[in-house]
Protein backbone atom coordinates (compact mmCIF):
# COMPACT_ATOMS: atom_id res chain seq x y z
CA MET A 1 22.69 9.08 -6.47
CA PRO A 2 21.80 5.20 -5.17
CA GLU A 3 17.72 4.25 -6.71
CA THR A 4 15.16 4.57 -4.72
CA LEU A 5 12.32 2.37 -3.53
CA VAL A 6 9.17 1.99 -1.97
CA VAL A 7 8.02 -1.70 -0.70
CA LYS A 8 5.10 -1.91 0.37
CA CYS A 9 3.53 -5.07 3.70
CA GLY A 10 0.76 -5.77 3.40
CA GLY A 11 -1.37 -6.11 5.61
CA HIS A 12 -2.42 -9.50 5.75
CA ALA A 13 -1.91 -11.57 8.59
CA ALA A 14 0.44 -13.69 6.62
CA VAL A 15 2.94 -11.74 5.41
CA ASP A 16 6.21 -11.47 7.59
CA GLY A 17 6.93 -8.11 8.43
CA ARG A 18 9.97 -9.08 10.06
CA ALA A 19 11.11 -10.64 7.33
CA VAL A 20 10.57 -8.43 5.65
CA CYS A 21 12.30 -5.64 7.23
CA ALA A 22 15.58 -8.13 7.23
CA ASP A 23 15.19 -8.00 3.89
CA ILE A 24 15.02 -4.01 3.23
CA ALA A 25 17.96 -3.75 5.79
CA ALA A 26 19.80 -5.40 3.97
CA LEU A 27 18.31 -3.40 0.42
CA ALA A 28 19.51 -0.04 2.52
CA ARG A 29 22.67 -1.64 3.31
CA SER A 30 23.71 -2.39 0.25
CA GLY A 31 23.45 1.02 -1.14
CA HIS A 32 19.62 1.42 -1.84
CA ARG A 33 17.45 4.18 -0.70
CA VAL A 34 14.01 2.48 0.60
CA VAL A 35 11.05 4.17 2.02
CA LEU A 36 8.48 1.64 3.56
CA VAL A 37 4.62 2.10 3.18
CA HIS A 38 2.79 -0.27 5.50
CA GLY A 39 -1.61 -1.16 6.38
CA GLY A 40 -2.52 -3.20 8.76
CA SER A 41 -5.84 -4.47 8.40
CA ALA A 42 -5.31 -7.88 10.54
CA GLN A 43 -4.39 -4.99 13.47
CA THR A 44 -6.87 -3.55 12.34
CA GLU A 45 -9.51 -6.12 12.60
CA ARG A 46 -8.44 -7.48 15.93
CA LEU A 47 -8.30 -4.28 17.42
CA ALA A 48 -11.91 -3.21 16.08
CA GLY A 49 -12.87 -6.67 17.89
CA ARG A 50 -11.53 -6.00 21.50
CA LEU A 51 -13.17 -2.66 21.00
CA ARG A 52 -16.44 -4.01 20.02
CA VAL A 53 -16.44 -1.36 16.71
CA PRO A 54 -18.37 -3.12 13.96
CA VAL A 55 -16.31 -3.74 11.00
CA ARG A 56 -17.81 -3.18 7.27
CA TRP A 57 -16.72 -3.59 4.04
CA LEU A 58 -17.93 -1.53 0.42
CA THR A 59 -17.60 -3.42 -2.70
CA SER A 60 -16.92 -0.80 -5.72
CA PRO A 61 -18.93 -1.77 -8.90
CA ASP A 62 -15.63 -3.18 -10.23
CA GLY A 63 -14.64 -4.90 -7.23
CA VAL A 64 -12.07 -3.62 -5.35
CA ARG A 65 -13.23 -4.04 -1.61
CA SER A 66 -12.40 -1.44 1.07
CA ARG A 67 -13.21 -0.99 5.01
CA TYR A 68 -15.67 1.56 5.41
CA THR A 69 -14.08 3.96 7.65
CA ASP A 70 -16.82 5.43 9.80
CA ASP A 71 -15.33 7.94 12.60
CA GLU A 72 -15.46 5.29 14.96
CA MET A 73 -13.83 3.07 12.32
CA LEU A 74 -11.06 5.77 11.95
CA LYS A 75 -9.95 6.02 15.67
CA VAL A 76 -9.46 2.48 15.38
CA VAL A 77 -7.08 2.22 12.38
CA MET A 78 -5.34 5.26 13.82
CA LEU A 79 -4.79 3.36 17.48
CA ALA A 80 -3.29 -0.05 14.28
CA LEU A 81 -1.30 1.50 12.65
CA ALA A 82 0.31 3.74 14.81
CA GLY A 83 0.11 1.96 17.88
CA GLU A 84 0.95 -1.63 16.84
CA ALA A 85 2.07 -2.01 13.59
CA LYS A 86 4.33 0.94 12.68
CA PRO A 87 6.20 0.13 15.84
CA GLY A 88 6.47 -2.81 15.46
CA LEU A 89 8.26 -2.77 11.95
CA VAL A 90 10.44 0.28 13.42
CA VAL A 91 12.11 -1.81 15.57
CA ALA A 92 12.49 -5.44 13.67
CA LEU A 93 14.36 -2.60 11.30
CA ALA A 94 16.31 -1.40 14.46
CA GLN A 95 17.13 -4.70 15.49
CA ALA A 96 18.38 -5.81 12.15
CA GLY A 97 20.68 -2.48 11.97
CA ILE A 98 18.45 -0.26 10.68
CA SER A 99 17.49 3.44 12.01
CA ALA A 100 13.68 3.76 10.17
CA VAL A 101 11.24 6.78 11.08
CA GLY A 102 8.35 6.48 11.65
CA LEU A 103 5.84 8.92 9.84
CA THR A 104 2.11 8.27 9.37
CA GLY A 105 0.39 11.14 6.58
CA LEU A 106 -0.70 13.33 9.05
CA ASP A 107 3.18 14.16 10.40
CA GLY A 108 5.09 16.94 9.23
CA GLY A 109 1.88 17.39 6.97
CA LEU A 110 3.72 14.74 4.60
CA LEU A 111 0.40 13.48 2.88
CA GLN A 112 -2.29 15.79 1.76
CA ALA A 113 -5.59 14.49 0.14
CA ARG A 114 -9.17 15.22 -0.60
CA ARG A 115 -12.51 13.78 1.20
CA ARG A 116 -14.98 11.70 -0.71
CA SER A 117 -18.19 13.08 0.53
CA VAL A 118 -19.53 9.34 -0.85
CA ALA A 119 -18.14 5.62 -1.89
CA ARG A 120 -20.32 4.02 -4.27
CA SER A 121 -21.10 -0.14 -3.03
CA VAL A 122 -22.53 -2.64 -4.32
CA GLU A 123 -24.88 -3.87 -1.01
CA ARG A 124 -27.15 -7.53 -2.12
CA GLY A 125 -26.57 -7.06 -5.84
CA ARG A 126 -28.11 -3.17 -5.80
CA PRO A 127 -25.76 -0.04 -5.99
CA MET A 128 -25.47 2.00 -3.10
CA LEU A 129 -24.11 6.47 -2.48
CA VAL A 130 -22.67 5.18 1.50
CA ARG A 131 -22.20 8.85 3.01
CA GLY A 132 -19.55 9.34 6.64
CA ASN A 133 -17.14 7.38 5.75
CA ASN A 134 -14.01 9.04 6.93
CA THR A 135 -11.94 8.65 3.68
CA GLY A 136 -9.77 10.18 0.94
CA ARG A 137 -7.38 10.15 -1.88
CA VAL A 138 -4.16 11.95 -2.00
CA THR A 139 -3.52 14.59 -3.84
CA GLU A 140 0.09 15.70 -2.79
CA VAL A 141 2.92 14.35 -0.76
CA ARG A 142 5.98 15.99 0.99
CA ALA A 143 8.07 14.65 -1.05
CA GLU A 144 11.19 16.89 0.79
CA LEU A 145 10.20 15.06 3.78
CA LEU A 146 11.00 12.34 2.52
CA ARG A 147 13.87 13.14 1.03
CA GLY A 148 15.94 14.63 4.17
CA LEU A 149 15.65 10.85 5.84
CA LEU A 150 16.69 9.63 3.09
CA ASP A 151 19.86 11.15 3.22
CA GLY A 152 20.13 11.15 7.21
CA GLY A 153 20.90 7.26 6.07
CA HIS A 154 17.49 6.41 7.54
CA VAL A 155 14.99 4.13 6.21
CA PRO A 156 11.85 6.06 6.63
CA VAL A 157 7.89 3.71 7.46
CA VAL A 158 5.18 5.65 6.62
CA SER A 159 1.00 4.63 7.04
CA PRO A 160 -1.94 6.77 6.82
CA PRO A 161 -4.15 8.33 7.54
CA ALA A 162 -3.46 11.50 5.09
CA ALA A 163 -4.44 15.28 6.24
CA ALA A 164 -7.81 15.94 4.73
CA GLU A 165 -8.52 19.59 3.48
CA ASP A 166 -9.92 21.35 6.75
CA GLY A 167 -6.56 19.42 8.92
CA ARG A 168 -8.88 16.52 9.81
CA PRO A 169 -7.76 12.88 9.54
CA VAL A 170 -8.85 10.29 6.57
CA ASN A 171 -8.55 6.50 6.02
CA ILE A 172 -6.57 5.55 2.90
CA ASP A 173 -5.53 2.52 1.77
CA ALA A 174 -1.82 2.01 2.10
CA ASP A 175 -1.74 0.79 -1.25
CA ARG A 176 -2.25 4.19 -2.78
CA VAL A 177 -0.53 5.41 -0.42
CA ALA A 178 2.59 3.91 -1.75
CA ALA A 179 1.94 4.51 -4.91
CA ALA A 180 1.18 8.28 -4.88
CA VAL A 181 5.36 7.81 -2.18
CA ALA A 182 6.83 6.00 -4.98
CA ALA A 183 5.26 8.90 -8.17
CA GLY A 184 6.24 11.33 -5.62
CA LEU A 185 9.41 9.84 -4.72
CA GLY A 186 10.09 9.50 -8.27
CA ALA A 187 10.89 5.81 -7.65
CA ALA A 188 12.66 3.53 -9.44
CA ALA A 189 9.83 1.00 -8.73
CA LEU A 190 7.22 -0.01 -6.99
CA VAL A 191 7.12 -2.82 -4.66
CA LEU A 192 4.02 -4.74 -3.41
CA LEU A 193 3.65 -7.39 -0.82
CA THR A 194 0.97 -9.85 -0.59
CA GLY A 195 -0.48 -12.35 0.76
CA ALA A 196 -0.20 -14.29 -2.17
CA PRO A 197 2.64 -15.41 -4.89
CA GLY A 198 1.72 -12.75 -7.17
CA VAL A 199 -1.98 -11.61 -8.63
CA LEU A 200 -3.38 -14.58 -9.72
CA ALA A 201 -5.43 -15.76 -12.86
CA ASP A 202 -7.61 -18.86 -10.27
CA PRO A 203 -7.88 -16.86 -6.48
CA ALA A 204 -7.83 -20.42 -5.98
CA ASP A 205 -4.81 -22.10 -7.37
CA GLU A 206 -1.22 -20.17 -6.10
CA ARG A 207 0.27 -22.16 -9.04
CA SER A 208 -1.61 -19.76 -11.68
CA VAL A 209 0.17 -16.53 -10.43
CA ARG A 210 0.27 -14.07 -13.74
CA ASP A 211 3.72 -13.11 -15.57
CA VAL A 212 2.12 -9.77 -16.44
CA VAL A 213 -1.41 -8.11 -15.88
CA LEU A 214 -1.87 -5.37 -18.61
CA LEU A 215 -4.02 -2.68 -16.91
CA ALA A 216 -6.69 -0.63 -18.75
CA ALA A 217 -7.27 2.79 -18.90
CA ASP A 218 -9.75 1.90 -16.35
CA GLY A 219 -11.56 -1.06 -13.80
CA VAL A 220 -9.76 -4.36 -13.38
CA PRO A 221 -9.17 -7.58 -15.42
CA PRO A 222 -12.52 -9.54 -15.02
CA GLY A 223 -11.51 -12.11 -12.60
CA VAL A 224 -9.86 -9.62 -10.21
CA ARG A 225 -11.06 -9.10 -6.89
CA GLY A 226 -10.72 -7.80 -3.11
CA GLY A 227 -7.02 -6.39 -2.08
CA ALA A 228 -5.65 -8.12 -5.38
CA ALA A 229 -8.07 -5.15 -7.44
CA MET A 230 -6.91 -2.72 -5.15
CA LYS A 231 -3.70 -3.28 -5.82
CA LEU A 232 -3.77 -2.75 -9.18
CA VAL A 233 -5.90 0.22 -8.74
CA ALA A 234 -2.42 1.32 -7.29
CA ALA A 235 -0.37 0.17 -9.45
CA ARG A 236 -1.60 1.82 -12.59
CA GLU A 237 -1.78 5.60 -10.05
CA ALA A 238 2.42 4.23 -9.88
CA LEU A 239 2.45 4.23 -13.28
CA ARG A 240 0.73 6.58 -14.34
CA GLY A 241 2.78 8.91 -12.11
CA GLY A 242 5.35 8.05 -13.71
CA VAL A 243 7.38 4.94 -11.78
CA PRO A 244 8.40 2.60 -14.15
CA ARG A 245 7.80 -0.30 -12.72
CA VAL A 246 5.60 -1.87 -10.22
CA LEU A 247 5.59 -5.11 -9.05
CA VAL A 248 3.34 -7.53 -6.59
CA ALA A 249 5.00 -9.83 -4.57
CA ASP A 250 5.08 -12.47 -2.44
CA GLY A 251 5.11 -11.00 1.79
CA ARG A 252 5.39 -14.46 3.20
CA VAL A 253 8.83 -15.63 1.92
CA ASP A 254 12.62 -14.81 3.06
CA ARG A 255 14.59 -11.70 1.38
CA PRO A 256 10.00 -10.84 -0.38
CA ALA A 257 11.25 -7.23 -2.11
CA SER A 258 14.74 -8.89 -3.46
CA ARG A 259 12.90 -11.92 -4.88
CA ALA A 260 10.54 -9.66 -5.98
CA LEU A 261 13.32 -7.60 -8.05
CA GLY A 262 14.78 -10.42 -9.44
CA GLY A 263 11.77 -11.47 -11.31
CA ALA A 264 9.76 -13.42 -8.49
CA ALA A 265 7.06 -11.25 -8.99
CA THR A 266 3.93 -10.41 -11.39
CA THR A 267 4.77 -6.65 -12.97
CA VAL A 268 1.73 -4.38 -14.22
CA VAL A 269 2.05 -2.78 -16.71
CA LEU A 270 -0.25 -0.14 -18.78
CA GLU A 271 -1.68 -1.55 -21.50
CA ARG A 272 -1.30 1.38 -23.63
CA GLU A 273 2.37 0.48 -23.18
CA TRP A 274 2.96 -2.35 -23.52
CA GLN A 275 1.29 -2.23 -26.95
CA GLU A 276 3.63 1.36 -27.98
CA ALA A 277 6.68 -0.81 -26.97
CA ARG A 278 5.38 -3.74 -29.07
């Protein structure tokens, strides 16, 4: 059977969604089974501004940044992802000659999650427990739904939210959704596309791309913050879920996923497995 790839298209405004879709179309035509997972940070922030919904960010003790999702922000996220970001990608794939099916985690019970009762955040140097945050963590992926679409020759286009235990939606970072989907499908590779050439040793210098990032059992490497930190959290989850290859690569270029698979990416590896291999 052809190998399955999961590609996550970043929500960063600089990521070229049309180039991503053109590349996915080429990969699909060459025989790969591809699932596209997407976020929508840029669309969410624009819509929040138009609707005058305040945007608040939380930073975990290990430097991972996430959007605070109260009830109003959850509505904004759902509108931005399902109403703007997803249709744009589905149309771009159709224009590239590929049949695509857009899904949120709520459709067909695709993504089941456990709601987080509190979130840990550091604000002004002080640790805090934040409540009222409609976020969670994926506990189950209905992989047979995605396999059915792939078997039918379609490219599934997947985004948050997921359904919590009570059936209500919760927001989940799209990188972590991609990791869960890749693990659930037994994908051969997970490609996380972003607005940088890969994971940078110096966030201010795009020439400082790391060829390999070794992940310890917990936390992220020193100096890695923001979106890159969340990508490494997701990468760890994918690797622990059995995905053999996880790449972080530039989503601003032509053929971004193909280039990543060809070596133009940061490869993420679990430190213990790296040591055992050597």
